[in-house]
Amino acid sequence: MTCWRLRPGVRLIHDSVRDAGVLLHPDGVLILNETGARVLALCDGNTDLVAIADALSRAYDAVPLHDLRDFLDALARRRLIERAHP
């Protein structure tokens, strides 16, 4: 299965003013909700979609794979994440 990672030049940080995760990228800032920040923290280039869903299932009742895939695909279209190639 596909593993994801942040693209070069993109950083995930915690913004203490907003008390939220944010993605810093060359074109701006994307403020994330708690779930989005957790997902992106797992996008390390080694963790696949199923493993991300399993990790999130420990904190949330259910994590539909299609919702997770849609979220990651949307970020990839915005060129914030990319597929990791082992």
C-alpha atoms as a PDB file:
ATOM      1  CA  MET A   1       0.000   0.000   0.000  1.00  0.00           C
ATOM      2  CA  THR A   2       1.047   3.609  -0.515  1.00  0.00           C
ATOM      3  CA  CYS A   3       3.005   5.477   2.114  1.00  0.00           C
ATOM      4  CA  TRP A   4       2.972   9.269   2.252  1.00  0.00           C
ATOM      5  CA  ARG A   5       5.380  11.960   3.399  1.00  0.00           C
ATOM      6  CA  LEU A   6       5.470  15.727   3.525  1.00  0.00           C
ATOM      7  CA  ARG A   7       6.946  17.287   0.400  1.00  0.00           C
ATOM      8  CA  PRO A   8      10.279  19.078   0.692  1.00  0.00           C
ATOM      9  CA  GLY A   9       9.709  22.578   2.034  1.00  0.00           C
ATOM     10  CA  VAL A  10       6.561  21.588   3.962  1.00  0.00           C
ATOM     11  CA  ARG A  11       6.651  21.371   7.741  1.00  0.00           C
ATOM     12  CA  LEU A  12       4.073  20.247  10.287  1.00  0.00           C
ATOM     13  CA  ILE A  13       4.243  22.304  13.472  1.00  0.00           C
ATOM     14  CA  HIS A  14       2.052  23.109  16.458  1.00  0.00           C
ATOM     15  CA  ASP A  15       0.924  26.739  16.555  1.00  0.00           C
ATOM     16  CA  SER A  16       0.619  27.613  20.233  1.00  0.00           C
ATOM     17  CA  VAL A  17      -1.393  30.776  19.499  1.00  0.00           C
ATOM     18  CA  ARG A  18      -4.116  28.810  17.700  1.00  0.00           C
ATOM     19  CA  ASP A  19      -3.460  25.637  19.716  1.00  0.00           C
ATOM     20  CA  ALA A  20      -3.602  23.742  16.441  1.00  0.00           C
ATOM     21  CA  GLY A  21      -1.405  21.864  14.034  1.00  0.00           C
ATOM     22  CA  VAL A  22      -0.429  23.803  10.940  1.00  0.00           C
ATOM     23  CA  LEU A  23       1.336  22.959   7.726  1.00  0.00           C
ATOM     24  CA  LEU A  24       3.862  25.571   6.727  1.00  0.00           C
ATOM     25  CA  HIS A  25       4.555  25.528   2.991  1.00  0.00           C
ATOM     26  CA  PRO A  26       6.094  27.876   0.433  1.00  0.00           C
ATOM     27  CA  ASP A  27       2.695  29.280  -0.580  1.00  0.00           C
ATOM     28  CA  GLY A  28       1.306  29.804   2.920  1.00  0.00           C
ATOM     29  CA  VAL A  29      -0.098  28.095   5.964  1.00  0.00           C
ATOM     30  CA  LEU A  30      -2.796  25.445   6.283  1.00  0.00           C
ATOM     31  CA  ILE A  31      -4.463  25.271   9.690  1.00  0.00           C
ATOM     32  CA  LEU A  32      -5.421  21.705  10.589  1.00  0.00           C
ATOM     33  CA  ASN A  33      -7.975  20.250  12.922  1.00  0.00           C
ATOM     34  CA  GLU A  34      -6.811  17.703  15.497  1.00  0.00           C
ATOM     35  CA  THR A  35      -7.526  14.719  13.269  1.00  0.00           C
ATOM     36  CA  GLY A  36      -5.734  16.213  10.269  1.00  0.00           C
ATOM     37  CA  ALA A  37      -2.670  16.968  12.379  1.00  0.00           C
ATOM     38  CA  ARG A  38      -2.630  13.391  13.705  1.00  0.00           C
ATOM     39  CA  VAL A  39      -2.861  11.995  10.185  1.00  0.00           C
ATOM     40  CA  LEU A  40      -0.015  14.147   8.908  1.00  0.00           C
ATOM     41  CA  ALA A  41       2.167  13.321  11.897  1.00  0.00           C
ATOM     42  CA  LEU A  42       1.956   9.712  10.691  1.00  0.00           C
ATOM     43  CA  CYS A  43       2.919  10.597   7.113  1.00  0.00           C
ATOM     44  CA  ASP A  44       6.557   9.679   7.683  1.00  0.00           C
ATOM     45  CA  GLY A  45       7.196   7.850   4.423  1.00  0.00           C
ATOM     46  CA  ASN A  46       7.030   4.452   6.133  1.00  0.00           C
ATOM     47  CA  THR A  47       3.469   4.224   7.456  1.00  0.00           C
ATOM     48  CA  ASP A  48       0.840   3.083   4.975  1.00  0.00           C
ATOM     49  CA  LEU A  49      -2.845   3.990   4.822  1.00  0.00           C
ATOM     50  CA  VAL A  50      -4.024   0.963   6.818  1.00  0.00           C
ATOM     51  CA  ALA A  51      -1.454   1.567   9.568  1.00  0.00           C
ATOM     52  CA  ILE A  52      -2.498   5.236   9.768  1.00  0.00           C
ATOM     53  CA  ALA A  53      -6.145   4.189  10.079  1.00  0.00           C
ATOM     54  CA  ASP A  54      -5.228   1.638  12.770  1.00  0.00           C
ATOM     55  CA  ALA A  55      -3.326   4.270  14.760  1.00  0.00           C
ATOM     56  CA  LEU A  56      -6.235   6.707  14.509  1.00  0.00           C
ATOM     57  CA  SER A  57      -8.715   4.013  15.536  1.00  0.00           C
ATOM     58  CA  ARG A  58      -7.101   4.035  18.976  1.00  0.00           C
ATOM     59  CA  ALA A  59      -8.264   7.633  19.451  1.00  0.00           C
ATOM     60  CA  TYR A  60     -11.482   7.638  17.395  1.00  0.00           C
ATOM     61  CA  ASP A  61     -14.359   5.172  17.053  1.00  0.00           C
ATOM     62  CA  ALA A  62     -14.048   4.498  13.350  1.00  0.00           C
ATOM     63  CA  VAL A  63     -11.798   5.751  10.602  1.00  0.00           C
ATOM     64  CA  PRO A  64     -13.219   5.005   7.149  1.00  0.00           C
ATOM     65  CA  LEU A  65     -10.356   4.278   4.762  1.00  0.00           C
ATOM     66  CA  HIS A  66     -12.077   6.128   1.917  1.00  0.00           C
ATOM     67  CA  ASP A  67     -12.267   9.332   4.021  1.00  0.00           C
ATOM     68  CA  LEU A  68      -8.607   9.014   4.943  1.00  0.00           C
ATOM     69  CA  ARG A  69      -7.650   8.339   1.316  1.00  0.00           C
ATOM     70  CA  ASP A  70      -9.716  11.331   0.133  1.00  0.00           C
ATOM     71  CA  PHE A  71      -7.993  13.613   2.669  1.00  0.00           C
ATOM     72  CA  LEU A  72      -4.510  12.490   1.635  1.00  0.00           C
ATOM     73  CA  ASP A  73      -5.361  12.688  -2.070  1.00  0.00           C
ATOM     74  CA  ALA A  74      -6.612  16.273  -1.595  1.00  0.00           C
ATOM     75  CA  LEU A  75      -3.353  17.254   0.112  1.00  0.00           C
ATOM     76  CA  ALA A  76      -1.372  15.566  -2.656  1.00  0.00           C
ATOM     77  CA  ARG A  77      -3.293  17.562  -5.284  1.00  0.00           C
ATOM     78  CA  ARG A  78      -2.295  20.716  -3.382  1.00  0.00           C
ATOM     79  CA  ARG A  79       1.318  19.451  -3.519  1.00  0.00           C
ATOM     80  CA  LEU A  80       1.684  19.361   0.273  1.00  0.00           C
ATOM     81  CA  ILE A  81       2.391  15.642   0.527  1.00  0.00           C
ATOM     82  CA  GLU A  82       3.772  13.060  -1.857  1.00  0.00           C
ATOM     83  CA  ARG A  83       3.953   9.324  -2.205  1.00  0.00           C
ATOM     84  CA  ALA A  84       7.041   7.856  -0.613  1.00  0.00           C
ATOM     85  CA  HIS A  85       9.012   5.471  -2.740  1.00  0.00           C
ATOM     86  CA  PRO A  86      10.986   2.903  -0.754  1.00  0.00           C
END
